Amino acid sequence: VLACARLLLRDPDLVILDEPSSKLDPATERLVHQALGRLLTGRTGIIVAHRLSTVAFADDILILERGEVLEHGPRLTLAAAPTSHYSAMLRLAAGEDTA
């Protein structure tokens, strides 16, 4: 909480967050995502995340595996591309068959 307060007081153009919603229960995670939406308005944000819900409001995403870039681009474009890794992760999370 103190780190977030400092961040707001400094009003930076760039915000870097590492797993901002890890280890949170679903209700608290929703609150954090709402706060992130307000915090990142008008700023550039770099968010390291494993949860798909954390990147649900991102404009662009970059997917890494073992330090290599698998794909990057606009989140909505990657989500709509049936062969993208991001689209496959979304289908897997939704319980759909990815075969």
PDB file of N, CA and C in Angstrom:
ATOM      1  N   VAL A   1       0.828  -1.190   0.000  1.00  0.00           N
ATOM      2  CA  VAL A   1       0.000   0.000   0.000  1.00  0.00           C
ATOM      3  C   VAL A   1       0.872   1.254   0.000  1.00  0.00           C
ATOM      4  N   LEU A   2       1.939   1.228   0.783  1.00  0.00           N
ATOM      5  CA  LEU A   2       2.836   2.380   0.846  1.00  0.00           C
ATOM      6  C   LEU A   2       3.486   2.643  -0.513  1.00  0.00           C
ATOM      7  N   ALA A   3       3.875   1.580  -1.201  1.00  0.00           N
ATOM      8  CA  ALA A   3       4.487   1.738  -2.524  1.00  0.00           C
ATOM      9  C   ALA A   3       3.505   2.372  -3.501  1.00  0.00           C
ATOM     10  N   CYS A   4       2.245   1.991  -3.430  1.00  0.00           N
ATOM     11  CA  CYS A   4       1.227   2.577  -4.308  1.00  0.00           C
ATOM     12  C   CYS A   4       1.019   4.052  -3.995  1.00  0.00           C
ATOM     13  N   ALA A   5       1.020   4.401  -2.724  1.00  0.00           N
ATOM     14  CA  ALA A   5       0.869   5.802  -2.332  1.00  0.00           C
ATOM     15  C   ALA A   5       2.030   6.638  -2.863  1.00  0.00           C
ATOM     16  N   ARG A   6       3.233   6.117  -2.744  1.00  0.00           N
ATOM     17  CA  ARG A   6       4.409   6.833  -3.269  1.00  0.00           C
ATOM     18  C   ARG A   6       4.292   7.020  -4.774  1.00  0.00           C
ATOM     19  N   LEU A   7       3.828   5.981  -5.438  1.00  0.00           N
ATOM     20  CA  LEU A   7       3.670   6.027  -6.885  1.00  0.00           C
ATOM     21  C   LEU A   7       2.708   7.141  -7.283  1.00  0.00           C
ATOM     22  N   LEU A   8       1.594   7.231  -6.598  1.00  0.00           N
ATOM     23  CA  LEU A   8       0.610   8.268  -6.911  1.00  0.00           C
ATOM     24  C   LEU A   8       1.142   9.667  -6.614  1.00  0.00           C
ATOM     25  N   LEU A   9       1.918   9.814  -5.557  1.00  0.00           N
ATOM     26  CA  LEU A   9       2.472  11.122  -5.211  1.00  0.00           C
ATOM     27  C   LEU A   9       3.501  11.595  -6.229  1.00  0.00           C
ATOM     28  N   ARG A  10       4.254  10.674  -6.775  1.00  0.00           N
ATOM     29  CA  ARG A  10       5.299  11.044  -7.744  1.00  0.00           C
ATOM     30  C   ARG A  10       4.738  11.292  -9.135  1.00  0.00           C
ATOM     31  N   ASP A  11       3.567  10.735  -9.444  1.00  0.00           N
ATOM     32  CA  ASP A  11       2.898  10.926 -10.732  1.00  0.00           C
ATOM     33  C   ASP A  11       3.826  10.640 -11.919  1.00  0.00           C
ATOM     34  N   PRO A  12       4.369   9.424 -12.017  1.00  0.00           N
ATOM     35  CA  PRO A  12       5.313   9.109 -13.092  1.00  0.00           C
ATOM     36  C   PRO A  12       4.620   8.887 -14.437  1.00  0.00           C
ATOM     37  N   ASP A  13       5.375   9.060 -15.514  1.00  0.00           N
ATOM     38  CA  ASP A  13       4.868   8.767 -16.853  1.00  0.00           C
ATOM     39  C   ASP A  13       4.910   7.272 -17.142  1.00  0.00           C
ATOM     40  N   LEU A  14       5.820   6.559 -16.479  1.00  0.00           N
ATOM     41  CA  LEU A  14       6.005   5.121 -16.687  1.00  0.00           C
ATOM     42  C   LEU A  14       5.827   4.392 -15.357  1.00  0.00           C
ATOM     43  N   VAL A  15       5.007   3.338 -15.382  1.00  0.00           N
ATOM     44  CA  VAL A  15       4.772   2.515 -14.194  1.00  0.00           C
ATOM     45  C   VAL A  15       5.126   1.075 -14.547  1.00  0.00           C
ATOM     46  N   ILE A  16       5.983   0.448 -13.746  1.00  0.00           N
ATOM     47  CA  ILE A  16       6.360  -0.953 -13.951  1.00  0.00           C
ATOM     48  C   ILE A  16       5.898  -1.744 -12.733  1.00  0.00           C
ATOM     49  N   LEU A  17       5.097  -2.772 -12.983  1.00  0.00           N
ATOM     50  CA  LEU A  17       4.551  -3.599 -11.905  1.00  0.00           C
ATOM     51  C   LEU A  17       4.873  -5.062 -12.175  1.00  0.00           C
ATOM     52  N   ASP A  18       5.320  -5.760 -11.162  1.00  0.00           N
ATOM     53  CA  ASP A  18       5.651  -7.181 -11.276  1.00  0.00           C
ATOM     54  C   ASP A  18       4.629  -7.992 -10.490  1.00  0.00           C
ATOM     55  N   GLU A  19       3.791  -8.727 -11.207  1.00  0.00           N
ATOM     56  CA  GLU A  19       2.760  -9.578 -10.587  1.00  0.00           C
ATOM     57  C   GLU A  19       1.927  -8.809  -9.559  1.00  0.00           C
ATOM     58  N   PRO A  20       1.252  -7.742  -9.980  1.00  0.00           N
ATOM     59  CA  PRO A  20       0.525  -6.926  -9.002  1.00  0.00           C
ATOM     60  C   PRO A  20      -0.651  -7.626  -8.331  1.00  0.00           C
ATOM     61  N   SER A  21      -1.143  -8.714  -8.924  1.00  0.00           N
ATOM     62  CA  SER A  21      -2.301  -9.377  -8.313  1.00  0.00           C
ATOM     63  C   SER A  21      -2.009 -10.809  -7.882  1.00  0.00           C
ATOM     64  N   SER A  22      -0.745 -11.167  -7.811  1.00  0.00           N
ATOM     65  CA  SER A  22      -0.432 -12.537  -7.396  1.00  0.00           C
ATOM     66  C   SER A  22      -0.813 -12.739  -5.933  1.00  0.00           C
ATOM     67  N   LYS A  23      -1.233 -13.926  -5.626  1.00  0.00           N
ATOM     68  CA  LYS A  23      -1.590 -14.336  -4.257  1.00  0.00           C
ATOM     69  C   LYS A  23      -2.771 -13.566  -3.673  1.00  0.00           C
ATOM     70  N   LEU A  24      -3.620 -13.020  -4.524  1.00  0.00           N
ATOM     71  CA  LEU A  24      -4.798 -12.313  -4.035  1.00  0.00           C
ATOM     72  C   LEU A  24      -6.042 -13.166  -4.244  1.00  0.00           C
ATOM     73  N   ASP A  25      -7.004 -13.017  -3.358  1.00  0.00           N
ATOM     74  CA  ASP A  25      -8.284 -13.690  -3.559  1.00  0.00           C
ATOM     75  C   ASP A  25      -9.028 -12.952  -4.675  1.00  0.00           C
ATOM     76  N   PRO A  26     -10.016 -13.593  -5.312  1.00  0.00           N
ATOM     77  CA  PRO A  26     -10.699 -12.977  -6.461  1.00  0.00           C
ATOM     78  C   PRO A  26     -11.297 -11.595  -6.186  1.00  0.00           C
ATOM     79  N   ALA A  27     -11.880 -11.392  -5.017  1.00  0.00           N
ATOM     80  CA  ALA A  27     -12.488 -10.089  -4.713  1.00  0.00           C
ATOM     81  C   ALA A  27     -11.429  -8.991  -4.625  1.00  0.00           C
ATOM     82  N   THR A  28     -10.333  -9.277  -3.961  1.00  0.00           N
ATOM     83  CA  THR A  28      -9.251  -8.294  -3.841  1.00  0.00           C
ATOM     84  C   THR A  28      -8.593  -8.064  -5.192  1.00  0.00           C
ATOM     85  N   GLU A  29      -8.462  -9.129  -5.985  1.00  0.00           N
ATOM     86  CA  GLU A  29      -7.887  -8.994  -7.325  1.00  0.00           C
ATOM     87  C   GLU A  29      -8.719  -8.029  -8.170  1.00  0.00           C
ATOM     88  N   ARG A  30     -10.042  -8.125  -8.098  1.00  0.00           N
ATOM     89  CA  ARG A  30     -10.906  -7.202  -8.846  1.00  0.00           C
ATOM     90  C   ARG A  30     -10.660  -5.755  -8.413  1.00  0.00           C
ATOM     91  N   LEU A  31     -10.516  -5.541  -7.118  1.00  0.00           N
ATOM     92  CA  LEU A  31     -10.239  -4.186  -6.618  1.00  0.00           C
ATOM     93  C   LEU A  31      -8.900  -3.665  -7.130  1.00  0.00           C
ATOM     94  N   VAL A  32      -7.896  -4.533  -7.137  1.00  0.00           N
ATOM     95  CA  VAL A  32      -6.572  -4.144  -7.643  1.00  0.00           C
ATOM     96  C   VAL A  32      -6.658  -3.801  -9.122  1.00  0.00           C
ATOM     97  N   HIS A  33      -7.394  -4.594  -9.897  1.00  0.00           N
ATOM     98  CA  HIS A  33      -7.523  -4.322 -11.330  1.00  0.00           C
ATOM     99  C   HIS A  33      -8.229  -2.990 -11.574  1.00  0.00           C
ATOM    100  N   GLN A  34      -9.244  -2.696 -10.783  1.00  0.00           N
ATOM    101  CA  GLN A  34      -9.923  -1.399 -10.912  1.00  0.00           C
ATOM    102  C   GLN A  34      -8.956  -0.256 -10.602  1.00  0.00           C
ATOM    103  N   ALA A  35      -8.183  -0.416  -9.555  1.00  0.00           N
ATOM    104  CA  ALA A  35      -7.208   0.615  -9.182  1.00  0.00           C
ATOM    105  C   ALA A  35      -6.139   0.767 -10.258  1.00  0.00           C
ATOM    106  N   LEU A  36      -5.699  -0.356 -10.830  1.00  0.00           N
ATOM    107  CA  LEU A  36      -4.694  -0.289 -11.892  1.00  0.00           C
ATOM    108  C   LEU A  36      -5.232   0.461 -13.100  1.00  0.00           C
ATOM    109  N   GLY A  37      -6.483   0.225 -13.421  1.00  0.00           N
ATOM    110  CA  GLY A  37      -7.088   0.935 -14.543  1.00  0.00           C
ATOM    111  C   GLY A  37      -7.024   2.439 -14.353  1.00  0.00           C
ATOM    112  N   ARG A  38      -7.324   2.891 -13.145  1.00  0.00           N
ATOM    113  CA  ARG A  38      -7.254   4.333 -12.858  1.00  0.00           C
ATOM    114  C   ARG A  38      -5.802   4.812 -12.818  1.00  0.00           C
ATOM    115  N   LEU A  39      -4.943   4.021 -12.206  1.00  0.00           N
ATOM    116  CA  LEU A  39      -3.536   4.395 -12.062  1.00  0.00           C
ATOM    117  C   LEU A  39      -2.848   4.548 -13.412  1.00  0.00           C
ATOM    118  N   LEU A  40      -3.155   3.659 -14.345  1.00  0.00           N
ATOM    119  CA  LEU A  40      -2.448   3.656 -15.621  1.00  0.00           C
ATOM    120  C   LEU A  40      -3.055   4.588 -16.661  1.00  0.00           C
ATOM    121  N   THR A  41      -4.185   5.190 -16.373  1.00  0.00           N
ATOM    122  CA  THR A  41      -4.791   6.121 -17.320  1.00  0.00           C
ATOM    123  C   THR A  41      -3.830   7.277 -17.586  1.00  0.00           C
ATOM    124  N   GLY A  42      -3.503   7.473 -18.855  1.00  0.00           N
ATOM    125  CA  GLY A  42      -2.595   8.549 -19.237  1.00  0.00           C
ATOM    126  C   GLY A  42      -1.129   8.249 -19.001  1.00  0.00           C
ATOM    127  N   ARG A  43      -0.815   6.992 -18.653  1.00  0.00           N
ATOM    128  CA  ARG A  43       0.571   6.596 -18.394  1.00  0.00           C
ATOM    129  C   ARG A  43       0.911   5.359 -19.219  1.00  0.00           C
ATOM    130  N   THR A  44       2.186   5.141 -19.384  1.00  0.00           N
ATOM    131  CA  THR A  44       2.656   3.889 -19.957  1.00  0.00           C
ATOM    132  C   THR A  44       2.888   2.920 -18.814  1.00  0.00           C
ATOM    133  N   GLY A  45       2.348   1.726 -18.944  1.00  0.00           N
ATOM    134  CA  GLY A  45       2.519   0.716 -17.906  1.00  0.00           C
ATOM    135  C   GLY A  45       3.125  -0.550 -18.468  1.00  0.00           C
ATOM    136  N   ILE A  46       4.059  -1.103 -17.754  1.00  0.00           N
ATOM    137  CA  ILE A  46       4.630  -2.409 -18.078  1.00  0.00           C
ATOM    138  C   ILE A  46       4.270  -3.311 -16.910  1.00  0.00           C
ATOM    139  N   ILE A  47       3.506  -4.358 -17.203  1.00  0.00           N
ATOM    140  CA  ILE A  47       3.044  -5.254 -16.151  1.00  0.00           C
ATOM    141  C   ILE A  47       3.520  -6.664 -16.456  1.00  0.00           C
ATOM    142  N   VAL A  48       4.262  -7.235 -15.533  1.00  0.00           N
ATOM    143  CA  VAL A  48       4.680  -8.634 -15.627  1.00  0.00           C
ATOM    144  C   VAL A  48       3.580  -9.440 -14.953  1.00  0.00           C
ATOM    145  N   ALA A  49       3.003 -10.400 -15.683  1.00  0.00           N
ATOM    146  CA  ALA A  49       1.870 -11.141 -15.122  1.00  0.00           C
ATOM    147  C   ALA A  49       1.794 -12.548 -15.689  1.00  0.00           C
ATOM    148  N   HIS A  50       1.295 -13.451 -14.865  1.00  0.00           N
ATOM    149  CA  HIS A  50       0.988 -14.802 -15.310  1.00  0.00           C
ATOM    150  C   HIS A  50      -0.517 -14.995 -15.464  1.00  0.00           C
ATOM    151  N   ARG A  51      -1.295 -14.216 -14.745  1.00  0.00           N
ATOM    152  CA  ARG A  51      -2.750 -14.333 -14.805  1.00  0.00           C
ATOM    153  C   ARG A  51      -3.290 -13.585 -16.020  1.00  0.00           C
ATOM    154  N   LEU A  52      -4.128 -14.264 -16.785  1.00  0.00           N
ATOM    155  CA  LEU A  52      -4.734 -13.622 -17.946  1.00  0.00           C
ATOM    156  C   LEU A  52      -5.612 -12.445 -17.537  1.00  0.00           C
ATOM    157  N   SER A  53      -6.243 -12.541 -16.389  1.00  0.00           N
ATOM    158  CA  SER A  53      -7.109 -11.449 -15.936  1.00  0.00           C
ATOM    159  C   SER A  53      -6.320 -10.158 -15.704  1.00  0.00           C
ATOM    160  N   THR A  54      -5.054 -10.282 -15.389  1.00  0.00           N
ATOM    161  CA  THR A  54      -4.234  -9.096 -15.135  1.00  0.00           C
ATOM    162  C   THR A  54      -3.940  -8.329 -16.417  1.00  0.00           C
ATOM    163  N   VAL A  55      -3.873  -9.021 -17.545  1.00  0.00           N
ATOM    164  CA  VAL A  55      -3.577  -8.345 -18.813  1.00  0.00           C
ATOM    165  C   VAL A  55      -4.836  -8.051 -19.624  1.00  0.00           C
ATOM    166  N   ALA A  56      -6.006  -8.307 -19.033  1.00  0.00           N
ATOM    167  CA  ALA A  56      -7.267  -8.140 -19.756  1.00  0.00           C
ATOM    168  C   ALA A  56      -7.523  -6.697 -20.191  1.00  0.00           C
ATOM    169  N   PHE A  57      -6.896  -5.727 -19.547  1.00  0.00           N
ATOM    170  CA  PHE A  57      -7.113  -4.325 -19.916  1.00  0.00           C
ATOM    171  C   PHE A  57      -5.919  -3.735 -20.665  1.00  0.00           C
ATOM    172  N   ALA A  58      -4.934  -4.563 -20.996  1.00  0.00           N
ATOM    173  CA  ALA A  58      -3.732  -4.069 -21.683  1.00  0.00           C
ATOM    174  C   ALA A  58      -4.030  -3.760 -23.148  1.00  0.00           C
ATOM    175  N   ASP A  59      -3.359  -2.760 -23.676  1.00  0.00           N
ATOM    176  CA  ASP A  59      -3.466  -2.462 -25.102  1.00  0.00           C
ATOM    177  C   ASP A  59      -2.631  -3.450 -25.906  1.00  0.00           C
ATOM    178  N   ASP A  60      -1.395  -3.638 -25.488  1.00  0.00           N
ATOM    179  CA  ASP A  60      -0.464  -4.535 -26.173  1.00  0.00           C
ATOM    180  C   ASP A  60       0.080  -5.542 -25.178  1.00  0.00           C
ATOM    181  N   ILE A  61       0.395  -6.736 -25.682  1.00  0.00           N
ATOM    182  CA  ILE A  61       0.996  -7.748 -24.820  1.00  0.00           C
ATOM    183  C   ILE A  61       2.219  -8.345 -25.500  1.00  0.00           C
ATOM    184  N   LEU A  62       3.083  -8.891 -24.685  1.00  0.00           N
ATOM    185  CA  LEU A  62       4.302  -9.560 -25.125  1.00  0.00           C
ATOM    186  C   LEU A  62       4.341 -10.883 -24.371  1.00  0.00           C
ATOM    187  N   ILE A  63       4.429 -11.978 -25.098  1.00  0.00           N
ATOM    188  CA  ILE A  63       4.452 -13.292 -24.460  1.00  0.00           C
ATOM    189  C   ILE A  63       5.859 -13.858 -24.578  1.00  0.00           C
ATOM    190  N   LEU A  64       6.419 -14.219 -23.417  1.00  0.00           N
ATOM    191  CA  LEU A  64       7.765 -14.782 -23.340  1.00  0.00           C
ATOM    192  C   LEU A  64       7.698 -16.237 -22.901  1.00  0.00           C
ATOM    193  N   GLU A  65       8.633 -17.016 -23.392  1.00  0.00           N
ATOM    194  CA  GLU A  65       8.823 -18.383 -22.912  1.00  0.00           C
ATOM    195  C   GLU A  65      10.313 -18.650 -22.871  1.00  0.00           C
ATOM    196  N   ARG A  66      10.816 -18.961 -21.690  1.00  0.00           N
ATOM    197  CA  ARG A  66      12.249 -19.211 -21.476  1.00  0.00           C
ATOM    198  C   ARG A  66      13.113 -18.073 -22.019  1.00  0.00           C
ATOM    199  N   GLY A  67      12.656 -16.850 -21.789  1.00  0.00           N
ATOM    200  CA  GLY A  67      13.419 -15.680 -22.192  1.00  0.00           C
ATOM    201  C   GLY A  67      13.307 -15.303 -23.654  1.00  0.00           C
ATOM    202  N   GLU A  68      12.539 -16.041 -24.418  1.00  0.00           N
ATOM    203  CA  GLU A  68      12.359 -15.753 -25.846  1.00  0.00           C
ATOM    204  C   GLU A  68      10.975 -15.154 -26.084  1.00  0.00           C
ATOM    205  N   VAL A  69      10.907 -14.179 -26.984  1.00  0.00           N
ATOM    206  CA  VAL A  69       9.619 -13.588 -27.340  1.00  0.00           C
ATOM    207  C   VAL A  69       8.886 -14.544 -28.272  1.00  0.00           C
ATOM    208  N   LEU A  70       7.724 -15.028 -27.828  1.00  0.00           N
ATOM    209  CA  LEU A  70       6.905 -15.894 -28.673  1.00  0.00           C
ATOM    210  C   LEU A  70       6.036 -15.070 -29.605  1.00  0.00           C
ATOM    211  N   GLU A  71       5.471 -14.002 -29.069  1.00  0.00           N
ATOM    212  CA  GLU A  71       4.650 -13.108 -29.894  1.00  0.00           C
ATOM    213  C   GLU A  71       4.417 -11.809 -29.141  1.00  0.00           C
ATOM    214  N   HIS A  72       4.077 -10.803 -29.900  1.00  0.00           N
ATOM    215  CA  HIS A  72       3.711  -9.523 -29.299  1.00  0.00           C
ATOM    216  C   HIS A  72       2.803  -8.796 -30.267  1.00  0.00           C
ATOM    217  N   GLY A  73       2.002  -7.926 -29.719  1.00  0.00           N
ATOM    218  CA  GLY A  73       1.096  -7.152 -30.546  1.00  0.00           C
ATOM    219  C   GLY A  73      -0.102  -6.681 -29.761  1.00  0.00           C
ATOM    220  N   PRO A  74      -1.051  -6.069 -30.469  1.00  0.00           N
ATOM    221  CA  PRO A  74      -2.268  -5.614 -29.801  1.00  0.00           C
ATOM    222  C   PRO A  74      -3.024  -6.800 -29.192  1.00  0.00           C
ATOM    223  N   ARG A  75      -3.435  -6.657 -27.940  1.00  0.00           N
ATOM    224  CA  ARG A  75      -4.104  -7.751 -27.235  1.00  0.00           C
ATOM    225  C   ARG A  75      -5.323  -8.255 -27.998  1.00  0.00           C
ATOM    226  N   LEU A  76      -6.159  -7.363 -28.492  1.00  0.00           N
ATOM    227  CA  LEU A  76      -7.376  -7.791 -29.181  1.00  0.00           C
ATOM    228  C   LEU A  76      -7.064  -8.509 -30.488  1.00  0.00           C
ATOM    229  N   THR A  77      -6.032  -8.081 -31.187  1.00  0.00           N
ATOM    230  CA  THR A  77      -5.631  -8.752 -32.426  1.00  0.00           C
ATOM    231  C   THR A  77      -5.131 -10.153 -32.133  1.00  0.00           C
ATOM    232  N   LEU A  78      -4.290 -10.295 -31.111  1.00  0.00           N
ATOM    233  CA  LEU A  78      -3.778 -11.619 -30.750  1.00  0.00           C
ATOM    234  C   LEU A  78      -4.895 -12.523 -30.241  1.00  0.00           C
ATOM    235  N   ALA A  79      -5.834 -11.967 -29.495  1.00  0.00           N
ATOM    236  CA  ALA A  79      -6.950 -12.766 -28.982  1.00  0.00           C
ATOM    237  C   ALA A  79      -7.807 -13.304 -30.124  1.00  0.00           C
ATOM    238  N   ALA A  80      -7.933 -12.544 -31.198  1.00  0.00           N
ATOM    239  CA  ALA A  80      -8.770 -12.947 -32.327  1.00  0.00           C
ATOM    240  C   ALA A  80      -8.056 -13.868 -33.309  1.00  0.00           C
ATOM    241  N   ALA A  81      -6.738 -13.953 -33.221  1.00  0.00           N
ATOM    242  CA  ALA A  81      -5.966 -14.785 -34.156  1.00  0.00           C
ATOM    243  C   ALA A  81      -5.965 -16.234 -33.669  1.00  0.00           C
ATOM    244  N   PRO A  82      -6.591 -17.147 -34.396  1.00  0.00           N
ATOM    245  CA  PRO A  82      -6.722 -18.526 -33.913  1.00  0.00           C
ATOM    246  C   PRO A  82      -5.396 -19.251 -33.696  1.00  0.00           C
ATOM    247  N   THR A  83      -4.327 -18.807 -34.337  1.00  0.00           N
ATOM    248  CA  THR A  83      -3.040 -19.497 -34.191  1.00  0.00           C
ATOM    249  C   THR A  83      -2.112 -18.832 -33.176  1.00  0.00           C
ATOM    250  N   SER A  84      -2.569 -17.768 -32.532  1.00  0.00           N
ATOM    251  CA  SER A  84      -1.679 -17.086 -31.588  1.00  0.00           C
ATOM    252  C   SER A  84      -1.595 -17.832 -30.264  1.00  0.00           C
ATOM    253  N   HIS A  85      -0.476 -17.671 -29.598  1.00  0.00           N
ATOM    254  CA  HIS A  85      -0.285 -18.276 -28.273  1.00  0.00           C
ATOM    255  C   HIS A  85      -1.275 -17.677 -27.273  1.00  0.00           C
ATOM    256  N   TYR A  86      -1.480 -16.377 -27.364  1.00  0.00           N
ATOM    257  CA  TYR A  86      -2.402 -15.710 -26.445  1.00  0.00           C
ATOM    258  C   TYR A  86      -3.819 -16.254 -26.623  1.00  0.00           C
ATOM    259  N   SER A  87      -4.248 -16.400 -27.864  1.00  0.00           N
ATOM    260  CA  SER A  87      -5.576 -16.952 -28.134  1.00  0.00           C
ATOM    261  C   SER A  87      -5.697 -18.368 -27.576  1.00  0.00           C
ATOM    262  N   ALA A  88      -4.649 -19.162 -27.730  1.00  0.00           N
ATOM    263  CA  ALA A  88      -4.660 -20.529 -27.192  1.00  0.00           C
ATOM    264  C   ALA A  88      -4.767 -20.515 -25.669  1.00  0.00           C
ATOM    265  N   MET A  89      -4.076 -19.588 -25.019  1.00  0.00           N
ATOM    266  CA  MET A  89      -4.156 -19.488 -23.557  1.00  0.00           C
ATOM    267  C   MET A  89      -5.562 -19.094 -23.117  1.00  0.00           C
ATOM    268  N   LEU A  90      -6.191 -18.185 -23.858  1.00  0.00           N
ATOM    269  CA  LEU A  90      -7.556 -17.785 -23.530  1.00  0.00           C
ATOM    270  C   LEU A  90      -8.519 -18.960 -23.676  1.00  0.00           C
ATOM    271  N   ARG A  91      -8.362 -19.727 -24.753  1.00  0.00           N
ATOM    272  CA  ARG A  91      -9.228 -20.895 -24.958  1.00  0.00           C
ATOM    273  C   ARG A  91      -9.013 -21.931 -23.862  1.00  0.00           C
ATOM    274  N   LEU A  92      -7.766 -22.146 -23.491  1.00  0.00           N
ATOM    275  CA  LEU A  92      -7.456 -23.107 -22.430  1.00  0.00           C
ATOM    276  C   LEU A  92      -8.070 -22.656 -21.098  1.00  0.00           C
ATOM    277  N   ALA A  93      -7.953 -21.375 -20.800  1.00  0.00           N
ATOM    278  CA  ALA A  93      -8.517 -20.839 -19.558  1.00  0.00           C
ATOM    279  C   ALA A  93     -10.042 -20.945 -19.544  1.00  0.00           C
ATOM    280  N   ALA A  94     -10.646 -20.858 -20.729  1.00  0.00           N
ATOM    281  CA  ALA A  94     -12.103 -20.954 -20.825  1.00  0.00           C
ATOM    282  C   ALA A  94     -12.571 -22.406 -20.852  1.00  0.00           C
ATOM    283  N   GLY A  95     -11.613 -23.336 -20.858  1.00  0.00           N
ATOM    284  CA  GLY A  95     -11.963 -24.752 -20.872  1.00  0.00           C
ATOM    285  C   GLY A  95     -12.299 -25.280 -22.248  1.00  0.00           C
ATOM    286  N   GLU A  96     -11.932 -24.527 -23.275  1.00  0.00           N
ATOM    287  CA  GLU A  96     -12.199 -24.967 -24.639  1.00  0.00           C
ATOM    288  C   GLU A  96     -11.069 -25.856 -25.118  1.00  0.00           C
ATOM    289  N   ASP A  97     -11.383 -26.718 -26.063  1.00  0.00           N
ATOM    290  CA  ASP A  97     -10.383 -27.604 -26.654  1.00  0.00           C
ATOM    291  C   ASP A  97      -9.469 -26.783 -27.548  1.00  0.00           C
ATOM    292  N   THR A  98      -8.165 -26.886 -27.344  1.00  0.00           N
ATOM    293  CA  THR A  98      -7.207 -26.123 -28.154  1.00  0.00           C
ATOM    294  C   THR A  98      -6.594 -26.958 -29.258  1.00  0.00           C
ATOM    295  N   ALA A  99      -7.044 -28.187 -29.431  1.00  0.00           N
ATOM    296  CA  ALA A  99      -6.475 -29.070 -30.464  1.00  0.00           C
ATOM    297  C   ALA A  99      -6.983 -28.699 -31.829  1.00  0.00           C
TER     298      ALA A  99
END
